[in-house]
C-alpha atoms as a PDB file:
ATOM      1  CA  UNK A   1     -29.769  48.792 202.676  1.00  0.00           C
ATOM      2  CA  UNK A   2     -32.981  47.178 203.857  1.00  0.00           C
ATOM      3  CA  UNK A   3     -33.474  45.381 200.592  1.00  0.00           C
ATOM      4  CA  UNK A   4     -29.861  44.154 200.591  1.00  0.00           C
ATOM      5  CA  UNK A   5     -30.218  42.811 204.128  1.00  0.00           C
ATOM      6  CA  UNK A   6     -33.400  40.972 203.276  1.00  0.00           C
ATOM      7  CA  UNK A   7     -31.797  39.496 200.143  1.00  0.00           C
ATOM      8  CA  UNK A   8     -28.791  38.319 202.153  1.00  0.00           C
ATOM      9  CA  UNK A   9     -31.081  36.693 204.708  1.00  0.00           C
ATOM     10  CA  UNK A  10     -33.076  34.908 202.013  1.00  0.00           C
ATOM     11  CA  UNK A  11     -29.886  33.541 200.488  1.00  0.00           C
ATOM     12  CA  UNK A  12     -28.774  32.202 203.857  1.00  0.00           C
ATOM     13  CA  UNK A  13     -32.131  30.535 204.467  1.00  0.00           C
ATOM     14  CA  UNK A  14     -32.073  29.091 200.922  1.00  0.00           C
ATOM     15  CA  UNK A  15     -28.581  27.772 201.515  1.00  0.00           C
ATOM     16  CA  UNK A  16     -29.694  26.066 204.751  1.00  0.00           C
ATOM     17  CA  UNK A  17     -32.618  24.463 202.921  1.00  0.00           C
ATOM     18  CA  UNK A  18     -30.368  23.074 200.197  1.00  0.00           C
ATOM     19  CA  UNK A  19     -27.963  21.700 202.783  1.00  0.00           C
ATOM     20  CA  UNK A  20     -30.793  19.961 204.636  1.00  0.00           C
ATOM     21  CA  UNK A  21     -32.082  18.376 201.425  1.00  0.00           C
ATOM     22  CA  UNK A  22     -28.558  17.228 200.554  1.00  0.00           C
ATOM     23  CA  UNK A  23     -28.127  15.652 203.997  1.00  0.00           C
ATOM     24  CA  UNK A  24     -31.466  13.868 203.722  1.00  0.00           C
ATOM     25  CA  UNK A  25     -30.582  12.528 200.278  1.00  0.00           C
ATOM     26  CA  UNK A  26     -27.190  11.395 201.555  1.00  0.00           C
ATOM     27  CA  UNK A  27     -28.800   9.642 204.514  1.00  0.00           C
ATOM     28  CA  UNK A  28     -31.331   7.919 202.251  1.00  0.00           C
ATOM     29  CA  UNK A  29     -28.527   6.745 199.944  1.00  0.00           C
ATOM     30  CA  UNK A  30     -26.598   5.349 202.918  1.00  0.00           C
ATOM     31  CA  UNK A  31     -29.688   3.489 204.157  1.00  0.00           C
ATOM     32  CA  UNK A  32     -30.297   1.996 200.703  1.00  0.00           C
ATOM     33  CA  UNK A  33     -26.651   0.965 200.426  1.00  0.00           C
ATOM     34  CA  UNK A  34     -26.739  -0.600 203.890  1.00  0.00           C
ATOM     35  CA  UNK A  35     -29.957  -2.470 203.044  1.00  0.00           C
ATOM     36  CA  UNK A  36     -28.414  -3.807 199.836  1.00  0.00           C
ATOM     37  CA  UNK A  37     -25.226  -4.757 201.660  1.00  0.00           C
ATOM     38  CA  UNK A  38     -27.090  -6.644 204.395  1.00  0.00           C
ATOM     39  CA  UNK A  39     -29.132  -8.612 201.860  1.00  0.00           C
ATOM     40  CA  UNK A  40     -26.062  -9.435 199.781  1.00  0.00           C
ATOM     41  CA  UNK A  41     -23.979 -10.498 202.782  1.00  0.00           C
ATOM     42  CA  UNK A  42     -26.570 -12.855 204.265  1.00  0.00           C
ATOM     43  CA  UNK A  43     -27.581 -14.317 200.891  1.00  0.00           C
ATOM     44  CA  UNK A  44     -23.959 -14.837 199.844  1.00  0.00           C
ATOM     45  CA  UNK A  45     -23.099 -16.557 203.127  1.00  0.00           C
ATOM     46  CA  UNK A  46     -26.041 -18.967 202.812  1.00  0.00           C
ATOM     47  CA  UNK A  47     -25.366 -19.607 199.106  1.00  0.00           C
ATOM     48  CA  UNK A  48     -21.733 -20.476 199.809  1.00  0.00           C
ATOM     49  CA  UNK A  49     -22.856 -23.115 202.298  1.00  0.00           C
ATOM     50  CA  UNK A  50     -25.713 -24.681 200.333  1.00  0.00           C
ATOM     51  CA  UNK A  51     -24.264 -24.707 196.792  1.00  0.00           C
ATOM     52  CA  UNK A  52     -21.312 -27.045 197.519  1.00  0.00           C
ATOM     53  CA  UNK A  53     -23.612 -29.358 199.475  1.00  0.00           C
ATOM     54  CA  UNK A  54     -25.983 -29.968 196.591  1.00  0.00           C
ATOM     55  CA  UNK A  55     -23.367 -29.570 193.832  1.00  0.00           C
ATOM     56  CA  UNK A  56     -25.477 -27.018 191.953  1.00  0.00           C
ATOM     57  CA  UNK A  57     -25.806 -23.232 191.822  1.00  0.00           C
ATOM     58  CA  UNK A  58     -28.326 -21.623 194.168  1.00  0.00           C
ATOM     59  CA  UNK A  59     -29.913 -18.208 194.496  1.00  0.00           C
ATOM     60  CA  UNK A  60     -31.081 -16.985 197.910  1.00  0.00           C
ATOM     61  CA  UNK A  61     -33.095 -13.842 198.558  1.00  0.00           C
ATOM     62  CA  UNK A  62     -34.831 -12.321 201.553  1.00  0.00           C
ATOM     63  CA  UNK A  63     -38.401 -11.071 201.355  1.00  0.00           C
ATOM     64  CA  UNK A  64     -40.501  -8.707 203.405  1.00  0.00           C
ATOM     65  CA  UNK A  65     -39.849  -5.038 204.123  1.00  0.00           C
ATOM     66  CA  UNK A  66     -36.597  -3.531 205.311  1.00  0.00           C
ATOM     67  CA  UNK A  67     -34.220  -6.372 206.125  1.00  0.00           C
ATOM     68  CA  UNK A  68     -31.766  -3.968 207.760  1.00  0.00           C
ATOM     69  CA  UNK A  69     -34.418  -2.582 210.121  1.00  0.00           C
ATOM     70  CA  UNK A  70     -35.555  -6.086 211.050  1.00  0.00           C
ATOM     71  CA  UNK A  71     -31.981  -7.149 211.710  1.00  0.00           C
ATOM     72  CA  UNK A  72     -31.266  -4.130 213.913  1.00  0.00           C
ATOM     73  CA  UNK A  73     -34.487  -4.315 215.921  1.00  0.00           C
ATOM     74  CA  UNK A  74     -35.230  -8.053 216.122  1.00  0.00           C
ATOM     75  CA  UNK A  75     -32.251  -9.858 214.522  1.00  0.00           C
ATOM     76  CA  UNK A  76     -34.732 -11.567 212.202  1.00  0.00           C
ATOM     77  CA  UNK A  77     -36.347 -11.473 208.750  1.00  0.00           C
ATOM     78  CA  UNK A  78     -39.813 -12.431 207.608  1.00  0.00           C
ATOM     79  CA  UNK A  79     -38.856 -14.903 204.875  1.00  0.00           C
ATOM     80  CA  UNK A  80     -36.084 -16.376 202.736  1.00  0.00           C
ATOM     81  CA  UNK A  81     -36.398 -17.918 199.255  1.00  0.00           C
ATOM     82  CA  UNK A  82     -33.957 -20.475 197.800  1.00  0.00           C
ATOM     83  CA  UNK A  83     -34.024 -21.621 194.191  1.00  0.00           C
ATOM     84  CA  UNK A  84     -31.683 -23.810 192.157  1.00  0.00           C
ATOM     85  CA  UNK A  85     -31.912 -24.945 188.539  1.00  0.00           C
ATOM     86  CA  UNK A  86     -30.197 -28.138 189.631  1.00  0.00           C
ATOM     87  CA  UNK A  87     -27.573 -29.909 187.556  1.00  0.00           C
ATOM     88  CA  UNK A  88     -27.214 -33.103 185.569  1.00  0.00           C
ATOM     89  CA  UNK A  89     -27.508 -35.094 188.789  1.00  0.00           C
ATOM     90  CA  UNK A  90     -29.170 -32.646 191.212  1.00  0.00           C
ATOM     91  CA  UNK A  91     -32.934 -31.928 191.188  1.00  0.00           C
ATOM     92  CA  UNK A  92     -34.229 -28.404 190.684  1.00  0.00           C
ATOM     93  CA  UNK A  93     -35.147 -26.802 194.016  1.00  0.00           C
ATOM     94  CA  UNK A  94     -37.650 -24.148 195.072  1.00  0.00           C
ATOM     95  CA  UNK A  95     -37.831 -23.578 198.836  1.00  0.00           C
ATOM     96  CA  UNK A  96     -39.370 -20.819 200.955  1.00  0.00           C
ATOM     97  CA  UNK A  97     -38.582 -20.295 204.630  1.00  0.00           C
ATOM     98  CA  UNK A  98     -40.693 -18.302 207.066  1.00  0.00           C
ATOM     99  CA  UNK A  99     -39.561 -16.546 210.256  1.00  0.00           C
ATOM    100  CA  UNK A 100     -35.813 -16.231 209.895  1.00  0.00           C
ATOM    101  CA  UNK A 101     -33.636 -15.405 212.898  1.00  0.00           C
ATOM    102  CA  UNK A 102     -29.921 -14.811 213.350  1.00  0.00           C
ATOM    103  CA  UNK A 103     -27.780 -16.216 216.135  1.00  0.00           C
ATOM    104  CA  UNK A 104     -24.106 -15.408 215.793  1.00  0.00           C
ATOM    105  CA  UNK A 105     -22.979 -16.805 212.435  1.00  0.00           C
ATOM    106  CA  UNK A 106     -26.022 -19.062 212.083  1.00  0.00           C
ATOM    107  CA  UNK A 107     -29.325 -18.442 210.296  1.00  0.00           C
ATOM    108  CA  UNK A 108     -32.306 -20.334 211.743  1.00  0.00           C
ATOM    109  CA  UNK A 109     -35.530 -20.767 209.745  1.00  0.00           C
ATOM    110  CA  UNK A 110     -38.622 -21.711 211.745  1.00  0.00           C
ATOM    111  CA  UNK A 111     -40.519 -23.410 208.897  1.00  0.00           C
ATOM    112  CA  UNK A 112     -39.608 -24.348 205.324  1.00  0.00           C
ATOM    113  CA  UNK A 113     -41.743 -25.663 202.477  1.00  0.00           C
ATOM    114  CA  UNK A 114     -41.009 -26.276 198.816  1.00  0.00           C
ATOM    115  CA  UNK A 115     -40.206 -28.816 196.139  1.00  0.00           C
ATOM    116  CA  UNK A 116     -37.442 -30.775 194.445  1.00  0.00           C
ATOM    117  CA  UNK A 117     -38.096 -31.831 190.836  1.00  0.00           C
ATOM    118  CA  UNK A 118     -36.284 -34.670 189.046  1.00  0.00           C
ATOM    119  CA  UNK A 119     -36.653 -34.630 185.276  1.00  0.00           C
ATOM    120  CA  UNK A 120     -36.899 -37.694 183.039  1.00  0.00           C
ATOM    121  CA  UNK A 121     -33.166 -37.897 182.372  1.00  0.00           C
ATOM    122  CA  UNK A 122     -32.340 -37.666 186.068  1.00  0.00           C
ATOM    123  CA  UNK A 123     -34.915 -40.336 186.889  1.00  0.00           C
ATOM    124  CA  UNK A 124     -33.518 -42.668 184.237  1.00  0.00           C
ATOM    125  CA  UNK A 125     -29.920 -42.108 185.350  1.00  0.00           C
ATOM    126  CA  UNK A 126     -30.835 -42.629 189.004  1.00  0.00           C
ATOM    127  CA  UNK A 127     -32.779 -45.811 188.228  1.00  0.00           C
ATOM    128  CA  UNK A 128     -29.701 -47.202 186.436  1.00  0.00           C
ATOM    129  CA  UNK A 129     -27.769 -46.828 189.704  1.00  0.00           C
ATOM    130  CA  UNK A 130     -30.201 -49.044 191.600  1.00  0.00           C
ATOM    131  CA  UNK A 131     -29.434 -52.505 192.869  1.00  0.00           C
ATOM    132  CA  UNK A 132     -32.468 -54.776 192.531  1.00  0.00           C
ATOM    133  CA  UNK A 133     -32.334 -57.572 195.068  1.00  0.00           C
ATOM    134  CA  UNK A 134     -33.601 -61.118 195.149  1.00  0.00           C
ATOM    135  CA  UNK A 135     -32.880 -64.125 192.975  1.00  0.00           C
ATOM    136  CA  UNK A 136     -35.330 -63.349 190.197  1.00  0.00           C
ATOM    137  CA  UNK A 137     -34.497 -65.251 186.990  1.00  0.00           C
ATOM    138  CA  UNK A 138     -35.344 -62.072 185.018  1.00  0.00           C
ATOM    139  CA  UNK A 139     -33.087 -59.766 187.035  1.00  0.00           C
ATOM    140  CA  UNK A 140     -30.797 -59.322 184.042  1.00  0.00           C
ATOM    141  CA  UNK A 141     -33.731 -58.263 181.851  1.00  0.00           C
ATOM    142  CA  UNK A 142     -35.124 -55.567 184.124  1.00  0.00           C
ATOM    143  CA  UNK A 143     -32.823 -52.658 183.308  1.00  0.00           C
ATOM    144  CA  UNK A 144     -34.801 -49.405 183.513  1.00  0.00           C
ATOM    145  CA  UNK A 145     -34.076 -47.860 180.120  1.00  0.00           C
ATOM    146  CA  UNK A 146     -36.187 -44.734 180.430  1.00  0.00           C
ATOM    147  CA  UNK A 147     -38.670 -43.006 182.735  1.00  0.00           C
ATOM    148  CA  UNK A 148     -41.281 -40.524 181.550  1.00  0.00           C
ATOM    149  CA  UNK A 149     -44.108 -38.720 183.347  1.00  0.00           C
ATOM    150  CA  UNK A 150     -47.812 -39.213 182.692  1.00  0.00           C
ATOM    151  CA  UNK A 151     -49.437 -36.336 184.549  1.00  0.00           C
ATOM    152  CA  UNK A 152     -53.012 -37.242 183.601  1.00  0.00           C
ATOM    153  CA  UNK A 153     -52.633 -40.720 185.104  1.00  0.00           C
ATOM    154  CA  UNK A 154     -50.415 -39.582 187.985  1.00  0.00           C
ATOM    155  CA  UNK A 155     -47.840 -42.194 186.988  1.00  0.00           C
ATOM    156  CA  UNK A 156     -44.240 -42.538 185.939  1.00  0.00           C
ATOM    157  CA  UNK A 157     -43.925 -44.879 182.981  1.00  0.00           C
ATOM    158  CA  UNK A 158     -40.757 -46.986 183.074  1.00  0.00           C
ATOM    159  CA  UNK A 159     -39.398 -48.909 180.103  1.00  0.00           C
ATOM    160  CA  UNK A 160     -38.172 -52.208 181.555  1.00  0.00           C
ATOM    161  CA  UNK A 161     -35.501 -53.838 179.421  1.00  0.00           C
ATOM    162  CA  UNK A 162     -37.275 -52.846 176.218  1.00  0.00           C
ATOM    163  CA  UNK A 163     -39.728 -55.670 176.975  1.00  0.00           C
ATOM    164  CA  UNK A 164     -42.532 -53.837 178.757  1.00  0.00           C
ATOM    165  CA  UNK A 165     -43.550 -50.424 180.042  1.00  0.00           C
ATOM    166  CA  UNK A 166     -44.982 -50.356 183.543  1.00  0.00           C
ATOM    167  CA  UNK A 167     -46.685 -47.600 185.505  1.00  0.00           C
ATOM    168  CA  UNK A 168     -45.156 -46.523 188.796  1.00  0.00           C
ATOM    169  CA  UNK A 169     -47.106 -44.743 191.551  1.00  0.00           C
ATOM    170  CA  UNK A 170     -45.069 -42.291 193.682  1.00  0.00           C
ATOM    171  CA  UNK A 171     -45.891 -41.791 197.349  1.00  0.00           C
ATOM    172  CA  UNK A 172     -44.423 -41.162 200.782  1.00  0.00           C
ATOM    173  CA  UNK A 173     -44.405 -43.534 203.740  1.00  0.00           C
ATOM    174  CA  UNK A 174     -42.888 -42.543 207.085  1.00  0.00           C
ATOM    175  CA  UNK A 175     -40.992 -39.696 205.473  1.00  0.00           C
ATOM    176  CA  UNK A 176     -39.486 -41.876 202.724  1.00  0.00           C
ATOM    177  CA  UNK A 177     -40.231 -41.770 199.014  1.00  0.00           C
ATOM    178  CA  UNK A 178     -41.943 -44.895 197.696  1.00  0.00           C
ATOM    179  CA  UNK A 179     -42.336 -45.992 194.069  1.00  0.00           C
ATOM    180  CA  UNK A 180     -44.920 -48.760 193.659  1.00  0.00           C
ATOM    181  CA  UNK A 181     -45.094 -50.600 190.291  1.00  0.00           C
ATOM    182  CA  UNK A 182     -48.641 -51.234 189.102  1.00  0.00           C
ATOM    183  CA  UNK A 183     -47.401 -54.380 187.396  1.00  0.00           C
ATOM    184  CA  UNK A 184     -45.700 -56.849 189.708  1.00  0.00           C
ATOM    185  CA  UNK A 185     -44.575 -59.467 187.191  1.00  0.00           C
ATOM    186  CA  UNK A 186     -42.751 -59.647 183.882  1.00  0.00           C
ATOM    187  CA  UNK A 187     -42.765 -62.688 181.539  1.00  0.00           C
ATOM    188  CA  UNK A 188     -44.582 -64.567 184.263  1.00  0.00           C
ATOM    189  CA  UNK A 189     -41.924 -63.888 186.911  1.00  0.00           C
ATOM    190  CA  UNK A 190     -42.163 -61.438 189.836  1.00  0.00           C
ATOM    191  CA  UNK A 191     -40.290 -58.178 189.386  1.00  0.00           C
ATOM    192  CA  UNK A 192     -37.166 -58.077 191.555  1.00  0.00           C
ATOM    193  CA  UNK A 193     -37.313 -56.013 194.745  1.00  0.00           C
ATOM    194  CA  UNK A 194     -35.674 -52.608 194.677  1.00  0.00           C
ATOM    195  CA  UNK A 195     -36.184 -52.076 190.969  1.00  0.00           C
ATOM    196  CA  UNK A 196     -36.428 -48.308 191.533  1.00  0.00           C
ATOM    197  CA  UNK A 197     -34.090 -48.122 194.526  1.00  0.00           C
ATOM    198  CA  UNK A 198     -31.732 -45.853 192.586  1.00  0.00           C
ATOM    199  CA  UNK A 199     -34.414 -43.150 192.361  1.00  0.00           C
ATOM    200  CA  UNK A 200     -35.365 -43.324 196.027  1.00  0.00           C
ATOM    201  CA  UNK A 201     -31.669 -43.280 196.966  1.00  0.00           C
ATOM    202  CA  UNK A 202     -31.121 -40.149 194.830  1.00  0.00           C
ATOM    203  CA  UNK A 203     -33.983 -38.343 196.572  1.00  0.00           C
ATOM    204  CA  UNK A 204     -32.726 -39.428 200.002  1.00  0.00           C
ATOM    205  CA  UNK A 205     -29.221 -38.172 199.219  1.00  0.00           C
ATOM    206  CA  UNK A 206     -30.579 -34.837 197.954  1.00  0.00           C
ATOM    207  CA  UNK A 207     -32.522 -34.283 201.178  1.00  0.00           C
ATOM    208  CA  UNK A 208     -29.484 -35.306 203.224  1.00  0.00           C
ATOM    209  CA  UNK A 209     -27.411 -32.635 201.451  1.00  0.00           C
ATOM    210  CA  UNK A 210     -29.922 -29.903 202.281  1.00  0.00           C
ATOM    211  CA  UNK A 211     -29.639 -28.009 205.577  1.00  0.00           C
ATOM    212  CA  UNK A 212     -30.500 -30.083 208.621  1.00  0.00           C
ATOM    213  CA  UNK A 213     -34.191 -30.344 209.410  1.00  0.00           C
ATOM    214  CA  UNK A 214     -35.585 -30.975 205.900  1.00  0.00           C
ATOM    215  CA  UNK A 215     -37.885 -33.975 205.328  1.00  0.00           C
ATOM    216  CA  UNK A 216     -39.955 -35.486 202.494  1.00  0.00           C
ATOM    217  CA  UNK A 217     -43.656 -34.650 202.792  1.00  0.00           C
ATOM    218  CA  UNK A 218     -45.175 -35.654 199.460  1.00  0.00           C
ATOM    219  CA  UNK A 219     -44.599 -36.775 195.877  1.00  0.00           C
ATOM    220  CA  UNK A 220     -46.478 -36.326 192.604  1.00  0.00           C
ATOM    221  CA  UNK A 221     -45.948 -36.546 188.866  1.00  0.00           C
ATOM    222  CA  UNK A 222     -45.569 -33.231 187.023  1.00  0.00           C
ATOM    223  CA  UNK A 223     -44.783 -32.299 183.424  1.00  0.00           C
ATOM    224  CA  UNK A 224     -41.054 -32.143 184.152  1.00  0.00           C
ATOM    225  CA  UNK A 225     -40.940 -35.519 185.921  1.00  0.00           C
ATOM    226  CA  UNK A 226     -41.239 -36.289 189.634  1.00  0.00           C
ATOM    227  CA  UNK A 227     -41.941 -33.508 192.121  1.00  0.00           C
ATOM    228  CA  UNK A 228     -41.028 -34.241 195.739  1.00  0.00           C
ATOM    229  CA  UNK A 229     -42.636 -32.027 198.377  1.00  0.00           C
ATOM    230  CA  UNK A 230     -40.222 -30.918 201.094  1.00  0.00           C
ATOM    231  CA  UNK A 231     -40.753 -29.354 204.488  1.00  0.00           C
ATOM    232  CA  UNK A 232     -38.926 -28.691 207.692  1.00  0.00           C
ATOM    233  CA  UNK A 233     -38.900 -27.001 211.075  1.00  0.00           C
ATOM    234  CA  UNK A 234     -36.019 -25.281 212.820  1.00  0.00           C
ATOM    235  CA  UNK A 235     -33.824 -25.527 209.731  1.00  0.00           C
ATOM    236  CA  UNK A 236     -30.280 -24.152 209.911  1.00  0.00           C
ATOM    237  CA  UNK A 237     -28.673 -22.164 207.091  1.00  0.00           C
ATOM    238  CA  UNK A 238     -25.377 -20.391 206.675  1.00  0.00           C
ATOM    239  CA  UNK A 239     -23.490 -22.033 209.513  1.00  0.00           C
ATOM    240  CA  UNK A 240     -19.751 -21.592 209.174  1.00  0.00           C
END
């Protein structure tokens, strides 16, 4: 009888142990599911706002540790990362935001930094949309036929009307992209003003389509084309 009683007691204790392990595993699974759900919900909401604005697909993810725990305790997240391959007319984007907070249906990002990259085809297409001003007698000969990067020289080389190739220096002045031709004349006549206005207008429109608070901070030539440095403070994402 004594042995049977002890065996019955051991079985009951073993059964309690298995139940506790099952409950812990169930709780862990629920936490993981809730963490995944929170990340998906916030990323999807932000993607649905940004993607139509820039007319290109975007992918948004949240970094750091447990997003769910941060949301419950501080209604914030450590960082958010946005990438987009761009489209035929939209530059590729790579943006990282730090110190993310939630307020109702709005996501606020304290600081953002990243880049927008226009490739050679996008630069050429944008340049063709420009409207050079002035009464230059060579205005009809200054069509920008192609734009290619020269990383070593830090220049964009533009084929002007099939007549000449000129180097263009990118820069930023007062938060606006500038493109300064190294050569100021063609066939003895001054180049018309606004020769590359289509490119600067494309960059301006891209920034305008991003969430409010983004500005141009720099520009340089890279292998893909023209890289525009972007930054911002108190940027708003995911506002419905």
